[in-house]
Amino acid sequence: MTAKPGIRAFALALAFVVTTISVTWAADQTITLELGAGSAVVLERPYKTVLIGDPDVVDVQTLSERSALLKPLNPGATNLVFIDEAGIAIANFRILVCSAAAI
């Protein structure tokens, strides 16, 4: 049995809205890091994947299903998007890495 086109379109639109709401909700969160000093981040829900906008700025090490260690690599800015098992963005952080003298 196949789903009717209208039902499939509705499900796709609903999935898009949920993903957009998740990303928008977390988009205001900014984390400022100093070179040489990592920081842990704890999420409200478990994540499966982390997307790193610029891997030359920050590295991410998984600590648990809900936490990660952020390791600043070079001065700059990037985004981290945490994705859950269903493929939904559950958190989006803007990361700013500064040299020790800049903070």
N, C-alpha and C. Protein backbone atom coordinates (compact mmCIF):
# COMPACT_ATOMS: atom_id res chain seq x y z
N MET A 1 0.84 -1.18 0.00
CA MET A 1 0.00 0.00 0.00
C MET A 1 0.89 1.25 0.00
N THR A 2 0.60 2.18 -0.87
CA THR A 2 1.40 3.41 -0.94
C THR A 2 0.58 4.57 -0.40
N ALA A 3 1.29 5.55 0.13
CA ALA A 3 0.62 6.73 0.67
C ALA A 3 0.14 7.62 -0.47
N LYS A 4 -0.96 8.28 -0.24
CA LYS A 4 -1.49 9.21 -1.24
C LYS A 4 -0.55 10.40 -1.36
N PRO A 5 -0.45 11.00 -2.55
CA PRO A 5 0.46 12.13 -2.73
C PRO A 5 0.22 13.27 -1.73
N GLY A 6 -1.02 13.55 -1.39
CA GLY A 6 -1.32 14.63 -0.45
C GLY A 6 -0.79 14.34 0.94
N ILE A 7 -0.89 13.08 1.34
CA ILE A 7 -0.40 12.69 2.66
C ILE A 7 1.12 12.77 2.70
N ARG A 8 1.78 12.31 1.63
CA ARG A 8 3.23 12.39 1.56
C ARG A 8 3.70 13.84 1.59
N ALA A 9 3.03 14.71 0.86
CA ALA A 9 3.40 16.13 0.82
C ALA A 9 3.22 16.76 2.19
N PHE A 10 2.13 16.41 2.88
CA PHE A 10 1.89 16.94 4.22
C PHE A 10 2.98 16.49 5.19
N ALA A 11 3.33 15.19 5.14
CA ALA A 11 4.37 14.66 6.02
C ALA A 11 5.71 15.34 5.75
N LEU A 12 6.04 15.55 4.49
CA LEU A 12 7.29 16.22 4.14
C LEU A 12 7.29 17.66 4.64
N ALA A 13 6.18 18.36 4.46
CA ALA A 13 6.08 19.75 4.93
C ALA A 13 6.19 19.82 6.44
N LEU A 14 5.55 18.87 7.14
CA LEU A 14 5.61 18.84 8.60
C LEU A 14 7.04 18.60 9.07
N ALA A 15 7.74 17.67 8.43
CA ALA A 15 9.13 17.39 8.79
C ALA A 15 10.00 18.63 8.58
N PHE A 16 9.77 19.35 7.48
CA PHE A 16 10.53 20.57 7.21
C PHE A 16 10.27 21.63 8.28
N VAL A 17 9.01 21.80 8.67
CA VAL A 17 8.66 22.80 9.69
C VAL A 17 9.31 22.45 11.02
N VAL A 18 9.25 21.19 11.42
CA VAL A 18 9.86 20.78 12.68
C VAL A 18 11.36 21.02 12.65
N THR A 19 12.02 20.69 11.55
CA THR A 19 13.46 20.92 11.43
C THR A 19 13.76 22.41 11.48
N THR A 20 12.99 23.22 10.78
CA THR A 20 13.20 24.67 10.77
C THR A 20 13.01 25.26 12.15
N ILE A 21 11.98 24.82 12.87
CA ILE A 21 11.75 25.32 14.22
C ILE A 21 12.92 24.97 15.12
N SER A 22 13.43 23.74 15.02
CA SER A 22 14.56 23.33 15.85
C SER A 22 15.78 24.20 15.58
N VAL A 23 16.10 24.42 14.32
CA VAL A 23 17.27 25.21 13.96
C VAL A 23 17.08 26.66 14.39
N THR A 24 15.90 27.22 14.15
CA THR A 24 15.64 28.60 14.52
C THR A 24 15.71 28.80 16.02
N TRP A 25 15.18 27.86 16.79
CA TRP A 25 15.18 27.96 18.24
C TRP A 25 16.61 28.07 18.77
N ALA A 26 17.51 27.31 18.20
CA ALA A 26 18.87 27.27 18.72
C ALA A 26 19.82 28.25 18.04
N ALA A 27 19.40 28.91 16.99
CA ALA A 27 20.28 29.76 16.20
C ALA A 27 20.81 30.96 16.98
N ASP A 28 20.11 31.36 18.04
CA ASP A 28 20.52 32.53 18.82
C ASP A 28 21.65 32.22 19.80
N GLN A 29 22.01 30.97 19.96
CA GLN A 29 23.00 30.58 20.95
C GLN A 29 24.41 30.75 20.39
N THR A 30 25.20 31.56 21.06
CA THR A 30 26.59 31.79 20.66
C THR A 30 27.51 31.35 21.79
N ILE A 31 28.55 30.63 21.43
CA ILE A 31 29.56 30.20 22.40
C ILE A 31 30.89 30.82 21.98
N THR A 32 31.52 31.55 22.90
CA THR A 32 32.82 32.15 22.64
C THR A 32 33.88 31.32 23.36
N LEU A 33 34.87 30.89 22.61
CA LEU A 33 35.96 30.08 23.16
C LEU A 33 37.27 30.81 23.02
N GLU A 34 38.19 30.49 23.91
CA GLU A 34 39.54 31.03 23.86
C GLU A 34 40.48 29.91 23.44
N LEU A 35 41.43 30.23 22.56
CA LEU A 35 42.40 29.22 22.14
C LEU A 35 43.07 28.61 23.37
N GLY A 36 43.20 27.30 23.37
CA GLY A 36 43.83 26.59 24.47
C GLY A 36 42.89 26.18 25.57
N ALA A 37 41.62 26.59 25.50
CA ALA A 37 40.66 26.24 26.55
C ALA A 37 39.38 25.67 25.93
N GLY A 38 39.16 24.39 26.11
CA GLY A 38 37.96 23.75 25.59
C GLY A 38 36.76 24.04 26.47
N SER A 39 35.61 23.64 25.98
CA SER A 39 34.37 23.86 26.72
C SER A 39 33.40 22.73 26.39
N ALA A 40 32.66 22.30 27.39
CA ALA A 40 31.66 21.25 27.18
C ALA A 40 30.31 21.88 26.89
N VAL A 41 29.53 21.21 26.06
CA VAL A 41 28.16 21.63 25.78
C VAL A 41 27.26 20.43 26.08
N VAL A 42 26.14 20.69 26.76
CA VAL A 42 25.18 19.64 27.09
C VAL A 42 23.86 19.99 26.42
N LEU A 43 23.30 19.02 25.71
CA LEU A 43 22.05 19.21 24.98
C LEU A 43 20.88 18.62 25.75
N GLU A 44 19.69 19.11 25.45
CA GLU A 44 18.49 18.61 26.11
C GLU A 44 18.12 17.21 25.64
N ARG A 45 18.50 16.87 24.40
CA ARG A 45 18.17 15.57 23.82
C ARG A 45 19.42 14.90 23.28
N PRO A 46 19.39 13.58 23.12
CA PRO A 46 20.54 12.89 22.53
C PRO A 46 20.75 13.30 21.07
N TYR A 47 22.01 13.32 20.65
CA TYR A 47 22.33 13.62 19.26
C TYR A 47 23.09 12.45 18.66
N LYS A 48 23.05 12.37 17.34
CA LYS A 48 23.76 11.30 16.64
C LYS A 48 24.92 11.85 15.80
N THR A 49 24.73 13.03 15.21
CA THR A 49 25.70 13.60 14.28
C THR A 49 25.93 15.07 14.61
N VAL A 50 27.15 15.53 14.37
CA VAL A 50 27.48 16.96 14.50
C VAL A 50 28.01 17.43 13.15
N LEU A 51 27.43 18.51 12.64
CA LEU A 51 27.92 19.13 11.42
C LEU A 51 28.73 20.35 11.83
N ILE A 52 29.97 20.43 11.34
CA ILE A 52 30.87 21.54 11.68
C ILE A 52 31.04 22.39 10.44
N GLY A 53 30.65 23.66 10.54
CA GLY A 53 30.77 24.56 9.39
C GLY A 53 32.20 24.70 8.91
N ASP A 54 33.13 24.97 9.80
CA ASP A 54 34.55 25.12 9.46
C ASP A 54 35.38 24.30 10.44
N PRO A 55 35.78 23.09 10.06
CA PRO A 55 36.54 22.24 10.97
C PRO A 55 37.94 22.76 11.30
N ASP A 56 38.38 23.83 10.65
CA ASP A 56 39.66 24.43 11.00
C ASP A 56 39.54 25.36 12.21
N VAL A 57 38.31 25.71 12.60
CA VAL A 57 38.08 26.62 13.72
C VAL A 57 37.86 25.86 15.02
N VAL A 58 37.08 24.79 14.98
CA VAL A 58 36.76 24.05 16.20
C VAL A 58 36.62 22.56 15.88
N ASP A 59 37.00 21.73 16.84
CA ASP A 59 36.81 20.29 16.74
C ASP A 59 35.83 19.88 17.83
N VAL A 60 35.09 18.80 17.59
CA VAL A 60 34.09 18.33 18.55
C VAL A 60 34.40 16.89 18.92
N GLN A 61 34.45 16.62 20.22
CA GLN A 61 34.66 15.26 20.72
C GLN A 61 33.43 14.86 21.52
N THR A 62 32.82 13.74 21.16
CA THR A 62 31.64 13.26 21.86
C THR A 62 32.02 12.78 23.25
N LEU A 63 31.29 13.27 24.26
CA LEU A 63 31.48 12.81 25.63
C LEU A 63 30.41 11.80 26.02
N SER A 64 29.18 12.05 25.58
CA SER A 64 28.05 11.15 25.83
C SER A 64 27.01 11.40 24.74
N GLU A 65 25.88 10.74 24.83
CA GLU A 65 24.84 10.94 23.81
C GLU A 65 24.22 12.33 23.88
N ARG A 66 24.46 13.06 24.97
CA ARG A 66 23.90 14.41 25.12
C ARG A 66 24.96 15.48 25.36
N SER A 67 26.24 15.13 25.33
CA SER A 67 27.26 16.14 25.60
C SER A 67 28.47 15.97 24.68
N ALA A 68 29.16 17.09 24.47
CA ALA A 68 30.34 17.09 23.60
C ALA A 68 31.34 18.11 24.14
N LEU A 69 32.61 17.87 23.84
CA LEU A 69 33.68 18.78 24.20
C LEU A 69 34.08 19.56 22.96
N LEU A 70 34.06 20.88 23.05
CA LEU A 70 34.46 21.76 21.96
C LEU A 70 35.92 22.14 22.15
N LYS A 71 36.73 21.89 21.14
CA LYS A 71 38.16 22.20 21.21
C LYS A 71 38.49 23.26 20.17
N PRO A 72 38.79 24.49 20.61
CA PRO A 72 39.15 25.54 19.66
C PRO A 72 40.48 25.25 19.00
N LEU A 73 40.53 25.41 17.68
CA LEU A 73 41.75 25.12 16.92
C LEU A 73 42.43 26.39 16.40
N ASN A 74 41.64 27.30 15.86
CA ASN A 74 42.16 28.54 15.28
C ASN A 74 41.14 29.66 15.48
N PRO A 75 41.61 30.92 15.54
CA PRO A 75 40.65 32.03 15.64
C PRO A 75 39.71 32.04 14.44
N GLY A 76 38.47 32.39 14.70
CA GLY A 76 37.48 32.46 13.62
C GLY A 76 36.08 32.19 14.13
N ALA A 77 35.17 32.00 13.19
CA ALA A 77 33.77 31.75 13.53
C ALA A 77 33.26 30.58 12.69
N THR A 78 32.37 29.82 13.27
CA THR A 78 31.76 28.69 12.57
C THR A 78 30.43 28.36 13.26
N ASN A 79 29.74 27.39 12.71
CA ASN A 79 28.50 26.90 13.31
C ASN A 79 28.63 25.40 13.57
N LEU A 80 27.97 24.95 14.62
CA LEU A 80 27.82 23.53 14.91
C LEU A 80 26.34 23.21 14.90
N VAL A 81 25.96 22.20 14.16
CA VAL A 81 24.57 21.76 14.12
C VAL A 81 24.54 20.33 14.62
N PHE A 82 23.79 20.10 15.69
CA PHE A 82 23.63 18.77 16.26
C PHE A 82 22.35 18.16 15.70
N ILE A 83 22.47 16.93 15.17
CA ILE A 83 21.37 16.24 14.51
C ILE A 83 21.01 15.00 15.33
N ASP A 84 19.70 14.75 15.52
CA ASP A 84 19.29 13.57 16.27
C ASP A 84 19.18 12.35 15.37
N GLU A 85 18.77 11.23 15.93
CA GLU A 85 18.68 9.97 15.20
C GLU A 85 17.69 10.02 14.04
N ALA A 86 16.67 10.88 14.16
CA ALA A 86 15.66 11.01 13.11
C ALA A 86 16.09 11.97 12.00
N GLY A 87 17.29 12.56 12.13
CA GLY A 87 17.77 13.50 11.13
C GLY A 87 17.27 14.92 11.34
N ILE A 88 16.80 15.23 12.54
CA ILE A 88 16.27 16.56 12.86
C ILE A 88 17.34 17.37 13.60
N ALA A 89 17.53 18.60 13.18
CA ALA A 89 18.47 19.50 13.86
C ALA A 89 17.89 19.85 15.23
N ILE A 90 18.63 19.52 16.28
CA ILE A 90 18.14 19.79 17.63
C ILE A 90 18.86 20.96 18.29
N ALA A 91 20.00 21.35 17.74
CA ALA A 91 20.72 22.51 18.28
C ALA A 91 21.65 23.06 17.20
N ASN A 92 21.76 24.39 17.19
CA ASN A 92 22.63 25.08 16.24
C ASN A 92 23.35 26.18 17.01
N PHE A 93 24.65 26.03 17.17
CA PHE A 93 25.43 27.00 17.92
C PHE A 93 26.36 27.76 16.99
N ARG A 94 26.46 29.06 17.20
CA ARG A 94 27.48 29.87 16.52
C ARG A 94 28.68 29.85 17.46
N ILE A 95 29.83 29.48 16.92
CA ILE A 95 31.05 29.38 17.71
C ILE A 95 32.02 30.47 17.29
N LEU A 96 32.49 31.23 18.26
CA LEU A 96 33.51 32.25 18.04
C LEU A 96 34.75 31.86 18.80
N VAL A 97 35.88 31.74 18.10
CA VAL A 97 37.15 31.38 18.74
C VAL A 97 38.06 32.59 18.66
N CYS A 98 38.54 33.01 19.82
CA CYS A 98 39.43 34.19 19.92
C CYS A 98 40.77 33.77 20.48
N SER A 99 41.80 34.55 20.18
CA SER A 99 43.09 34.31 20.82
C SER A 99 42.99 34.78 22.26
N ALA A 100 43.89 34.33 23.10
CA ALA A 100 43.85 34.66 24.52
C ALA A 100 43.85 36.16 24.79
N ALA A 101 44.56 36.93 23.96
CA ALA A 101 44.66 38.38 24.16
C ALA A 101 43.39 39.11 23.76
N ALA A 102 42.52 38.48 22.94
CA ALA A 102 41.34 39.17 22.43
C ALA A 102 40.17 39.16 23.40
N ILE A 103 40.19 38.28 24.39
CA ILE A 103 39.02 38.19 25.30
C ILE A 103 39.19 39.10 26.48
